C-alpha atoms as a PDB file:
ATOM      1  CA  UNK A   1     -23.955  19.746  16.596  1.00  0.00           C
ATOM      2  CA  UNK A   2     -22.528  16.408  19.120  1.00  0.00           C
ATOM      3  CA  UNK A   3     -19.316  17.279  21.304  1.00  0.00           C
ATOM      4  CA  UNK A   4     -16.084  16.461  19.544  1.00  0.00           C
ATOM      5  CA  UNK A   5     -13.219  14.410  20.561  1.00  0.00           C
ATOM      6  CA  UNK A   6     -10.309  16.892  21.435  1.00  0.00           C
ATOM      7  CA  UNK A   7      -6.929  15.203  19.796  1.00  0.00           C
ATOM      8  CA  UNK A   8      -3.947  16.074  22.510  1.00  0.00           C
ATOM      9  CA  UNK A   9      -0.320  16.526  20.728  1.00  0.00           C
ATOM     10  CA  UNK A  10       2.314  13.997  22.703  1.00  0.00           C
ATOM     11  CA  UNK A  11       5.217  15.674  23.462  1.00  0.00           C
ATOM     12  CA  UNK A  12       8.472  14.000  22.615  1.00  0.00           C
ATOM     13  CA  UNK A  13       7.536  11.526  20.314  1.00  0.00           C
ATOM     14  CA  UNK A  14       9.407  10.680  17.524  1.00  0.00           C
ATOM     15  CA  UNK A  15       7.460   8.657  14.627  1.00  0.00           C
ATOM     16  CA  UNK A  16      10.470   8.252  12.604  1.00  0.00           C
ATOM     17  CA  UNK A  17      11.652   4.561  11.208  1.00  0.00           C
ATOM     18  CA  UNK A  18      13.839   2.562  11.943  1.00  0.00           C
ATOM     19  CA  UNK A  19      16.347   2.013   8.468  1.00  0.00           C
ATOM     20  CA  UNK A  20      15.148  -1.786   8.923  1.00  0.00           C
ATOM     21  CA  UNK A  21      11.405  -0.640   8.858  1.00  0.00           C
ATOM     22  CA  UNK A  22      11.729   1.360   5.849  1.00  0.00           C
ATOM     23  CA  UNK A  23      14.133  -1.652   3.693  1.00  0.00           C
ATOM     24  CA  UNK A  24      10.512  -4.087   5.297  1.00  0.00           C
ATOM     25  CA  UNK A  25       8.626  -1.249   3.126  1.00  0.00           C
ATOM     26  CA  UNK A  26      10.560  -0.759  -0.048  1.00  0.00           C
ATOM     27  CA  UNK A  27      10.099  -5.123   0.276  1.00  0.00           C
ATOM     28  CA  UNK A  28       6.282  -5.057  -0.400  1.00  0.00           C
ATOM     29  CA  UNK A  29       6.020  -2.573  -2.462  1.00  0.00           C
ATOM     30  CA  UNK A  30       8.292  -3.934  -4.401  1.00  0.00           C
ATOM     31  CA  UNK A  31       6.298  -7.208  -4.899  1.00  0.00           C
ATOM     32  CA  UNK A  32       3.237  -5.243  -4.640  1.00  0.00           C
ATOM     33  CA  UNK A  33       4.158  -3.388  -8.184  1.00  0.00           C
ATOM     34  CA  UNK A  34       5.423  -7.468  -9.059  1.00  0.00           C
ATOM     35  CA  UNK A  35       2.463  -8.844  -8.421  1.00  0.00           C
ATOM     36  CA  UNK A  36       0.345  -5.798 -10.548  1.00  0.00           C
ATOM     37  CA  UNK A  37       2.303  -6.392 -13.672  1.00  0.00           C
ATOM     38  CA  UNK A  38       2.438  -9.671 -13.326  1.00  0.00           C
ATOM     39  CA  UNK A  39      -1.207  -9.911 -13.508  1.00  0.00           C
ATOM     40  CA  UNK A  40      -1.858  -6.922 -16.336  1.00  0.00           C
ATOM     41  CA  UNK A  41       0.355  -9.302 -18.169  1.00  0.00           C
ATOM     42  CA  UNK A  42      -1.736 -12.079 -17.663  1.00  0.00           C
ATOM     43  CA  UNK A  43      -4.589 -10.581 -18.775  1.00  0.00           C
ATOM     44  CA  UNK A  44      -3.473  -9.014 -22.031  1.00  0.00           C
ATOM     45  CA  UNK A  45      -2.225 -12.642 -22.633  1.00  0.00           C
ATOM     46  CA  UNK A  46      -5.559 -14.025 -21.911  1.00  0.00           C
ATOM     47  CA  UNK A  47      -8.275 -14.214 -25.237  1.00  0.00           C
ATOM     48  CA  UNK A  48     -11.057 -12.272 -24.376  1.00  0.00           C
ATOM     49  CA  UNK A  49     -14.903 -13.595 -23.923  1.00  0.00           C
ATOM     50  CA  UNK A  50     -17.188 -11.481 -26.651  1.00  0.00           C
ATOM     51  CA  UNK A  51     -20.894 -11.168 -25.264  1.00  0.00           C
ATOM     52  CA  UNK A  52     -22.970 -14.203 -26.549  1.00  0.00           C
END
């Protein structure tokens, strides 16, 4: 087995997201959900092709 890279933990790092970043993320998730709903709605309305 080859040597593995040792991971070093940084002390004192703060990885918390600020409120602006959270809001941008929420908006992105909402937009993605709406795009999926729209695509599903359009697919349901589209006539299905039958195999010949």
